[in-house]
Amino acid sequence: MQGYRSQVGETVRMGRRFQDSVRPQVYLYYRNYRFLPNNNTTMVVVVRFGFNSDGSENNFIMTAYQIYRRRGGR
């Protein structure tokens, strides 16, 4: 993902998100892009939301990756 730092941030800010069904404190954000390598179409960013022992937020990106998703129907 080197060279895609701005797109990772953009995906978290502007992408669609859904909650992980197994880990409720984890959300996956995804956004489509036209210029990803290897025919990939979508960037996925996995973010964990939590709190430190003092009550302050401890939210961080766990990972980010690119995938190919077909457009249109099933």
PDB file of N, CA and C in Angstrom:
ATOM      1  N   MET A   1       0.809  -1.191   0.000  1.00  0.00           N
ATOM      2  CA  MET A   1       0.000   0.000   0.000  1.00  0.00           C
ATOM      3  C   MET A   1       0.859   1.264   0.000  1.00  0.00           C
ATOM      4  N   GLN A   2       2.161   1.080  -0.144  1.00  0.00           N
ATOM      5  CA  GLN A   2       3.016   2.255  -0.244  1.00  0.00           C
ATOM      6  C   GLN A   2       2.580   3.087  -1.430  1.00  0.00           C
ATOM      7  N   GLY A   3       2.533   4.377  -1.238  1.00  0.00           N
ATOM      8  CA  GLY A   3       2.122   5.276  -2.291  1.00  0.00           C
ATOM      9  C   GLY A   3       0.628   5.546  -2.327  1.00  0.00           C
ATOM     10  N   TYR A   4      -0.141   4.960  -1.418  1.00  0.00           N
ATOM     11  CA  TYR A   4      -1.589   5.132  -1.398  1.00  0.00           C
ATOM     12  C   TYR A   4      -2.092   5.693  -0.068  1.00  0.00           C
ATOM     13  N   ARG A   5      -1.229   6.347   0.654  1.00  0.00           N
ATOM     14  CA  ARG A   5      -1.595   6.859   1.980  1.00  0.00           C
ATOM     15  C   ARG A   5      -2.782   7.829   1.915  1.00  0.00           C
ATOM     16  N   SER A   6      -2.778   8.733   0.957  1.00  0.00           N
ATOM     17  CA  SER A   6      -3.881   9.700   0.874  1.00  0.00           C
ATOM     18  C   SER A   6      -5.202   9.001   0.542  1.00  0.00           C
ATOM     19  N   GLN A   7      -5.150   7.945  -0.281  1.00  0.00           N
ATOM     20  CA  GLN A   7      -6.376   7.212  -0.611  1.00  0.00           C
ATOM     21  C   GLN A   7      -6.901   6.419   0.594  1.00  0.00           C
ATOM     22  N   VAL A   8      -5.994   5.943   1.434  1.00  0.00           N
ATOM     23  CA  VAL A   8      -6.426   5.242   2.652  1.00  0.00           C
ATOM     24  C   VAL A   8      -7.217   6.209   3.531  1.00  0.00           C
ATOM     25  N   GLY A   9      -6.678   7.403   3.747  1.00  0.00           N
ATOM     26  CA  GLY A   9      -7.390   8.407   4.540  1.00  0.00           C
ATOM     27  C   GLY A   9      -8.702   8.814   3.903  1.00  0.00           C
ATOM     28  N   GLU A  10      -8.694   8.972   2.600  1.00  0.00           N
ATOM     29  CA  GLU A  10      -9.912   9.335   1.874  1.00  0.00           C
ATOM     30  C   GLU A  10     -10.970   8.240   1.998  1.00  0.00           C
ATOM     31  N   THR A  11     -10.548   6.998   1.969  1.00  0.00           N
ATOM     32  CA  THR A  11     -11.478   5.884   2.107  1.00  0.00           C
ATOM     33  C   THR A  11     -12.148   5.906   3.468  1.00  0.00           C
ATOM     34  N   VAL A  12     -11.397   6.196   4.523  1.00  0.00           N
ATOM     35  CA  VAL A  12     -11.981   6.270   5.861  1.00  0.00           C
ATOM     36  C   VAL A  12     -12.926   7.465   5.968  1.00  0.00           C
ATOM     37  N   ARG A  13     -12.546   8.588   5.399  1.00  0.00           N
ATOM     38  CA  ARG A  13     -13.383   9.797   5.491  1.00  0.00           C
ATOM     39  C   ARG A  13     -14.632   9.731   4.625  1.00  0.00           C
ATOM     40  N   MET A  14     -14.516   9.183   3.420  1.00  0.00           N
ATOM     41  CA  MET A  14     -15.596   9.314   2.457  1.00  0.00           C
ATOM     42  C   MET A  14     -16.193   7.988   1.980  1.00  0.00           C
ATOM     43  N   GLY A  15     -15.592   6.879   2.364  1.00  0.00           N
ATOM     44  CA  GLY A  15     -16.067   5.582   1.896  1.00  0.00           C
ATOM     45  C   GLY A  15     -17.281   5.088   2.667  1.00  0.00           C
ATOM     46  N   ARG A  16     -17.834   4.016   2.181  1.00  0.00           N
ATOM     47  CA  ARG A  16     -18.942   3.342   2.884  1.00  0.00           C
ATOM     48  C   ARG A  16     -18.342   2.452   3.963  1.00  0.00           C
ATOM     49  N   ARG A  17     -19.092   2.213   5.023  1.00  0.00           N
ATOM     50  CA  ARG A  17     -18.544   1.379   6.094  1.00  0.00           C
ATOM     51  C   ARG A  17     -19.578   0.379   6.565  1.00  0.00           C
ATOM     52  N   PHE A  18     -19.057  -0.708   7.116  1.00  0.00           N
ATOM     53  CA  PHE A  18     -19.931  -1.668   7.777  1.00  0.00           C
ATOM     54  C   PHE A  18     -19.183  -2.270   8.952  1.00  0.00           C
ATOM     55  N   GLN A  19     -19.957  -2.699   9.939  1.00  0.00           N
ATOM     56  CA  GLN A  19     -19.398  -3.242  11.170  1.00  0.00           C
ATOM     57  C   GLN A  19     -19.101  -4.718  11.000  1.00  0.00           C
ATOM     58  N   ASP A  20     -17.964  -5.143  11.519  1.00  0.00           N
ATOM     59  CA  ASP A  20     -17.597  -6.556  11.503  1.00  0.00           C
ATOM     60  C   ASP A  20     -18.560  -7.326  12.399  1.00  0.00           C
ATOM     61  N   SER A  21     -19.117  -8.406  11.900  1.00  0.00           N
ATOM     62  CA  SER A  21     -20.115  -9.157  12.666  1.00  0.00           C
ATOM     63  C   SER A  21     -19.505  -9.935  13.833  1.00  0.00           C
ATOM     64  N   VAL A  22     -18.223 -10.245  13.774  1.00  0.00           N
ATOM     65  CA  VAL A  22     -17.572 -11.012  14.841  1.00  0.00           C
ATOM     66  C   VAL A  22     -16.919 -10.084  15.865  1.00  0.00           C
ATOM     67  N   ARG A  23     -16.381  -8.985  15.398  1.00  0.00           N
ATOM     68  CA  ARG A  23     -15.701  -8.020  16.280  1.00  0.00           C
ATOM     69  C   ARG A  23     -16.433  -6.683  16.182  1.00  0.00           C
ATOM     70  N   PRO A  24     -17.368  -6.395  17.074  1.00  0.00           N
ATOM     71  CA  PRO A  24     -18.194  -5.190  16.951  1.00  0.00           C
ATOM     72  C   PRO A  24     -17.422  -3.875  17.071  1.00  0.00           C
ATOM     73  N   GLN A  25     -16.210  -3.904  17.576  1.00  0.00           N
ATOM     74  CA  GLN A  25     -15.411  -2.683  17.674  1.00  0.00           C
ATOM     75  C   GLN A  25     -14.621  -2.410  16.389  1.00  0.00           C
ATOM     76  N   VAL A  26     -14.787  -3.262  15.383  1.00  0.00           N
ATOM     77  CA  VAL A  26     -14.045  -3.139  14.122  1.00  0.00           C
ATOM     78  C   VAL A  26     -15.013  -2.786  12.999  1.00  0.00           C
ATOM     79  N   TYR A  27     -14.604  -1.812  12.194  1.00  0.00           N
ATOM     80  CA  TYR A  27     -15.379  -1.401  11.018  1.00  0.00           C
ATOM     81  C   TYR A  27     -14.501  -1.514   9.781  1.00  0.00           C
ATOM     82  N   LEU A  28     -15.127  -1.891   8.676  1.00  0.00           N
ATOM     83  CA  LEU A  28     -14.450  -1.939   7.388  1.00  0.00           C
ATOM     84  C   LEU A  28     -15.007  -0.828   6.515  1.00  0.00           C
ATOM     85  N   TYR A  29     -14.122  -0.042   5.960  1.00  0.00           N
ATOM     86  CA  TYR A  29     -14.482   1.040   5.053  1.00  0.00           C
ATOM     87  C   TYR A  29     -14.050   0.628   3.662  1.00  0.00           C
ATOM     88  N   TYR A  30     -14.853   0.946   2.661  1.00  0.00           N
ATOM     89  CA  TYR A  30     -14.445   0.643   1.298  1.00  0.00           C
ATOM     90  C   TYR A  30     -14.865   1.756   0.361  1.00  0.00           C
ATOM     91  N   ARG A  31     -14.062   1.915  -0.680  1.00  0.00           N
ATOM     92  CA  ARG A  31     -14.319   2.935  -1.693  1.00  0.00           C
ATOM     93  C   ARG A  31     -13.719   2.468  -3.008  1.00  0.00           C
ATOM     94  N   ASN A  32     -14.445   2.712  -4.075  1.00  0.00           N
ATOM     95  CA  ASN A  32     -13.975   2.338  -5.407  1.00  0.00           C
ATOM     96  C   ASN A  32     -13.032   3.394  -5.958  1.00  0.00           C
ATOM     97  N   TYR A  33     -12.021   2.936  -6.682  1.00  0.00           N
ATOM     98  CA  TYR A  33     -11.053   3.808  -7.362  1.00  0.00           C
ATOM     99  C   TYR A  33     -10.812   3.263  -8.762  1.00  0.00           C
ATOM    100  N   ARG A  34     -10.466   4.145  -9.676  1.00  0.00           N
ATOM    101  CA  ARG A  34     -10.235   3.736 -11.061  1.00  0.00           C
ATOM    102  C   ARG A  34      -8.779   3.428 -11.368  1.00  0.00           C
ATOM    103  N   PHE A  35      -7.859   3.853 -10.544  1.00  0.00           N
ATOM    104  CA  PHE A  35      -6.436   3.801 -10.891  1.00  0.00           C
ATOM    105  C   PHE A  35      -5.631   2.785 -10.098  1.00  0.00           C
ATOM    106  N   LEU A  36      -6.251   1.840  -9.448  1.00  0.00           N
ATOM    107  CA  LEU A  36      -5.510   0.867  -8.644  1.00  0.00           C
ATOM    108  C   LEU A  36      -4.817  -0.152  -9.541  1.00  0.00           C
ATOM    109  N   PRO A  37      -3.669  -0.666  -9.125  1.00  0.00           N
ATOM    110  CA  PRO A  37      -2.926  -1.627  -9.958  1.00  0.00           C
ATOM    111  C   PRO A  37      -3.565  -3.018  -9.969  1.00  0.00           C
ATOM    112  N   ASN A  38      -3.118  -3.834 -10.907  1.00  0.00           N
ATOM    113  CA  ASN A  38      -3.503  -5.253 -10.999  1.00  0.00           C
ATOM    114  C   ASN A  38      -5.006  -5.470 -11.136  1.00  0.00           C
ATOM    115  N   ASN A  39      -5.670  -4.569 -11.827  1.00  0.00           N
ATOM    116  CA  ASN A  39      -7.120  -4.657 -12.062  1.00  0.00           C
ATOM    117  C   ASN A  39      -7.957  -4.567 -10.794  1.00  0.00           C
ATOM    118  N   ASN A  40      -7.378  -4.127  -9.682  1.00  0.00           N
ATOM    119  CA  ASN A  40      -8.165  -3.926  -8.467  1.00  0.00           C
ATOM    120  C   ASN A  40      -9.079  -2.726  -8.647  1.00  0.00           C
ATOM    121  N   THR A  41     -10.233  -2.770  -8.002  1.00  0.00           N
ATOM    122  CA  THR A  41     -11.231  -1.717  -8.163  1.00  0.00           C
ATOM    123  C   THR A  41     -11.582  -1.010  -6.860  1.00  0.00           C
ATOM    124  N   THR A  42     -11.243  -1.620  -5.722  1.00  0.00           N
ATOM    125  CA  THR A  42     -11.736  -1.130  -4.440  1.00  0.00           C
ATOM    126  C   THR A  42     -10.640  -1.165  -3.389  1.00  0.00           C
ATOM    127  N   MET A  43     -10.598  -0.127  -2.557  1.00  0.00           N
ATOM    128  CA  MET A  43      -9.708  -0.114  -1.421  1.00  0.00           C
ATOM    129  C   MET A  43     -10.530  -0.399  -0.171  1.00  0.00           C
ATOM    130  N   VAL A  44     -10.013  -1.263   0.690  1.00  0.00           N
ATOM    131  CA  VAL A  44     -10.667  -1.620   1.949  1.00  0.00           C
ATOM    132  C   VAL A  44      -9.727  -1.217   3.086  1.00  0.00           C
ATOM    133  N   VAL A  45     -10.275  -0.523   4.084  1.00  0.00           N
ATOM    134  CA  VAL A  45      -9.496  -0.104   5.250  1.00  0.00           C
ATOM    135  C   VAL A  45     -10.213  -0.628   6.490  1.00  0.00           C
ATOM    136  N   VAL A  46      -9.474  -1.331   7.351  1.00  0.00           N
ATOM    137  CA  VAL A  46     -10.027  -1.932   8.562  1.00  0.00           C
ATOM    138  C   VAL A  46      -9.602  -1.068   9.754  1.00  0.00           C
ATOM    139  N   VAL A  47     -10.597  -0.571  10.499  1.00  0.00           N
ATOM    140  CA  VAL A  47     -10.341   0.354  11.607  1.00  0.00           C
ATOM    141  C   VAL A  47     -10.908  -0.233  12.895  1.00  0.00           C
ATOM    142  N   ARG A  48     -10.119  -0.159  13.942  1.00  0.00           N
ATOM    143  CA  ARG A  48     -10.568  -0.614  15.277  1.00  0.00           C
ATOM    144  C   ARG A  48     -10.831   0.604  16.137  1.00  0.00           C
ATOM    145  N   PHE A  49     -11.996   0.628  16.761  1.00  0.00           N
ATOM    146  CA  PHE A  49     -12.378   1.707  17.663  1.00  0.00           C
ATOM    147  C   PHE A  49     -12.308   1.180  19.090  1.00  0.00           C
ATOM    148  N   GLY A  50     -11.701   1.959  19.969  1.00  0.00           N
ATOM    149  CA  GLY A  50     -11.589   1.536  21.354  1.00  0.00           C
ATOM    150  C   GLY A  50     -11.223   2.695  22.254  1.00  0.00           C
ATOM    151  N   PHE A  51     -10.960   2.378  23.513  1.00  0.00           N
ATOM    152  CA  PHE A  51     -10.612   3.384  24.510  1.00  0.00           C
ATOM    153  C   PHE A  51      -9.427   2.907  25.335  1.00  0.00           C
ATOM    154  N   ASN A  52      -8.601   3.849  25.740  1.00  0.00           N
ATOM    155  CA  ASN A  52      -7.508   3.567  26.662  1.00  0.00           C
ATOM    156  C   ASN A  52      -8.071   3.470  28.078  1.00  0.00           C
ATOM    157  N   SER A  53      -7.251   3.019  29.023  1.00  0.00           N
ATOM    158  CA  SER A  53      -7.705   2.870  30.410  1.00  0.00           C
ATOM    159  C   SER A  53      -8.092   4.208  31.041  1.00  0.00           C
ATOM    160  N   ASP A  54      -7.551   5.317  30.516  1.00  0.00           N
ATOM    161  CA  ASP A  54      -7.917   6.638  31.041  1.00  0.00           C
ATOM    162  C   ASP A  54      -9.169   7.212  30.381  1.00  0.00           C
ATOM    163  N   GLY A  55      -9.788   6.440  29.478  1.00  0.00           N
ATOM    164  CA  GLY A  55     -11.014   6.878  28.828  1.00  0.00           C
ATOM    165  C   GLY A  55     -10.813   7.595  27.512  1.00  0.00           C
ATOM    166  N   SER A  56      -9.554   7.873  27.159  1.00  0.00           N
ATOM    167  CA  SER A  56      -9.305   8.545  25.886  1.00  0.00           C
ATOM    168  C   SER A  56      -9.480   7.559  24.722  1.00  0.00           C
ATOM    169  N   GLU A  57      -9.839   8.108  23.569  1.00  0.00           N
ATOM    170  CA  GLU A  57     -10.057   7.253  22.393  1.00  0.00           C
ATOM    171  C   GLU A  57      -8.754   6.615  21.932  1.00  0.00           C
ATOM    172  N   ASN A  58      -8.860   5.399  21.449  1.00  0.00           N
ATOM    173  CA  ASN A  58      -7.723   4.682  20.887  1.00  0.00           C
ATOM    174  C   ASN A  58      -8.197   4.010  19.602  1.00  0.00           C
ATOM    175  N   ASN A  59      -8.402   4.810  18.570  1.00  0.00           N
ATOM    176  CA  ASN A  59      -8.876   4.326  17.275  1.00  0.00           C
ATOM    177  C   ASN A  59      -7.682   4.252  16.330  1.00  0.00           C
ATOM    178  N   PHE A  60      -7.586   3.175  15.569  1.00  0.00           N
ATOM    179  CA  PHE A  60      -6.452   3.064  14.666  1.00  0.00           C
ATOM    180  C   PHE A  60      -6.773   2.154  13.493  1.00  0.00           C
ATOM    181  N   ILE A  61      -6.050   2.381  12.409  1.00  0.00           N
ATOM    182  CA  ILE A  61      -6.176   1.550  11.221  1.00  0.00           C
ATOM    183  C   ILE A  61      -5.386   0.276  11.458  1.00  0.00           C
ATOM    184  N   MET A  62      -6.043  -0.853  11.321  1.00  0.00           N
ATOM    185  CA  MET A  62      -5.382  -2.146  11.497  1.00  0.00           C
ATOM    186  C   MET A  62      -4.673  -2.566  10.215  1.00  0.00           C
ATOM    187  N   THR A  63      -5.349  -2.409   9.087  1.00  0.00           N
ATOM    188  CA  THR A  63      -4.761  -2.777   7.804  1.00  0.00           C
ATOM    189  C   THR A  63      -5.545  -2.109   6.684  1.00  0.00           C
ATOM    190  N   ALA A  64      -4.962  -2.114   5.519  1.00  0.00           N
ATOM    191  CA  ALA A  64      -5.631  -1.625   4.311  1.00  0.00           C
ATOM    192  C   ALA A  64      -5.162  -2.498   3.154  1.00  0.00           C
ATOM    193  N   TYR A  65      -6.068  -2.752   2.230  1.00  0.00           N
ATOM    194  CA  TYR A  65      -5.716  -3.586   1.086  1.00  0.00           C
ATOM    195  C   TYR A  65      -6.627  -3.258  -0.088  1.00  0.00           C
ATOM    196  N   GLN A  66      -6.249  -3.771  -1.241  1.00  0.00           N
ATOM    197  CA  GLN A  66      -7.007  -3.557  -2.468  1.00  0.00           C
ATOM    198  C   GLN A  66      -7.608  -4.877  -2.930  1.00  0.00           C
ATOM    199  N   ILE A  67      -8.812  -4.777  -3.498  1.00  0.00           N
ATOM    200  CA  ILE A  67      -9.485  -5.970  -4.015  1.00  0.00           C
ATOM    201  C   ILE A  67     -10.119  -5.647  -5.361  1.00  0.00           C
ATOM    202  N   TYR A  68     -10.479  -6.679  -6.076  1.00  0.00           N
ATOM    203  CA  TYR A  68     -11.259  -6.538  -7.298  1.00  0.00           C
ATOM    204  C   TYR A  68     -12.705  -6.885  -6.967  1.00  0.00           C
ATOM    205  N   ARG A  69     -13.614  -5.992  -7.307  1.00  0.00           N
ATOM    206  CA  ARG A  69     -15.048  -6.254  -7.140  1.00  0.00           C
ATOM    207  C   ARG A  69     -15.727  -6.044  -8.483  1.00  0.00           C
ATOM    208  N   ARG A  70     -16.542  -6.989  -8.853  1.00  0.00           N
ATOM    209  CA  ARG A  70     -17.311  -6.832 -10.094  1.00  0.00           C
ATOM    210  C   ARG A  70     -18.378  -5.786  -9.901  1.00  0.00           C
ATOM    211  N   ARG A  71     -18.642  -5.055 -10.914  1.00  0.00           N
ATOM    212  CA  ARG A  71     -19.697  -4.029 -10.892  1.00  0.00           C
ATOM    213  C   ARG A  71     -21.008  -4.656 -11.334  1.00  0.00           C
ATOM    214  N   GLY A  72     -22.094  -4.060 -10.891  1.00  0.00           N
ATOM    215  CA  GLY A  72     -23.397  -4.486 -11.398  1.00  0.00           C
ATOM    216  C   GLY A  72     -24.040  -5.566 -10.555  1.00  0.00           C
ATOM    217  N   GLY A  73     -24.823  -6.395 -11.236  1.00  0.00           N
ATOM    218  CA  GLY A  73     -25.626  -7.427 -10.564  1.00  0.00           C
ATOM    219  C   GLY A  73     -24.800  -8.528  -9.954  1.00  0.00           C
ATOM    220  N   ARG A  74     -25.490  -9.482  -9.413  1.00  0.00           N
ATOM    221  CA  ARG A  74     -24.839 -10.598  -8.716  1.00  0.00           C
ATOM    222  C   ARG A  74     -24.376 -11.562  -9.691  1.00  0.00           C
TER     223      ARG A  74
END
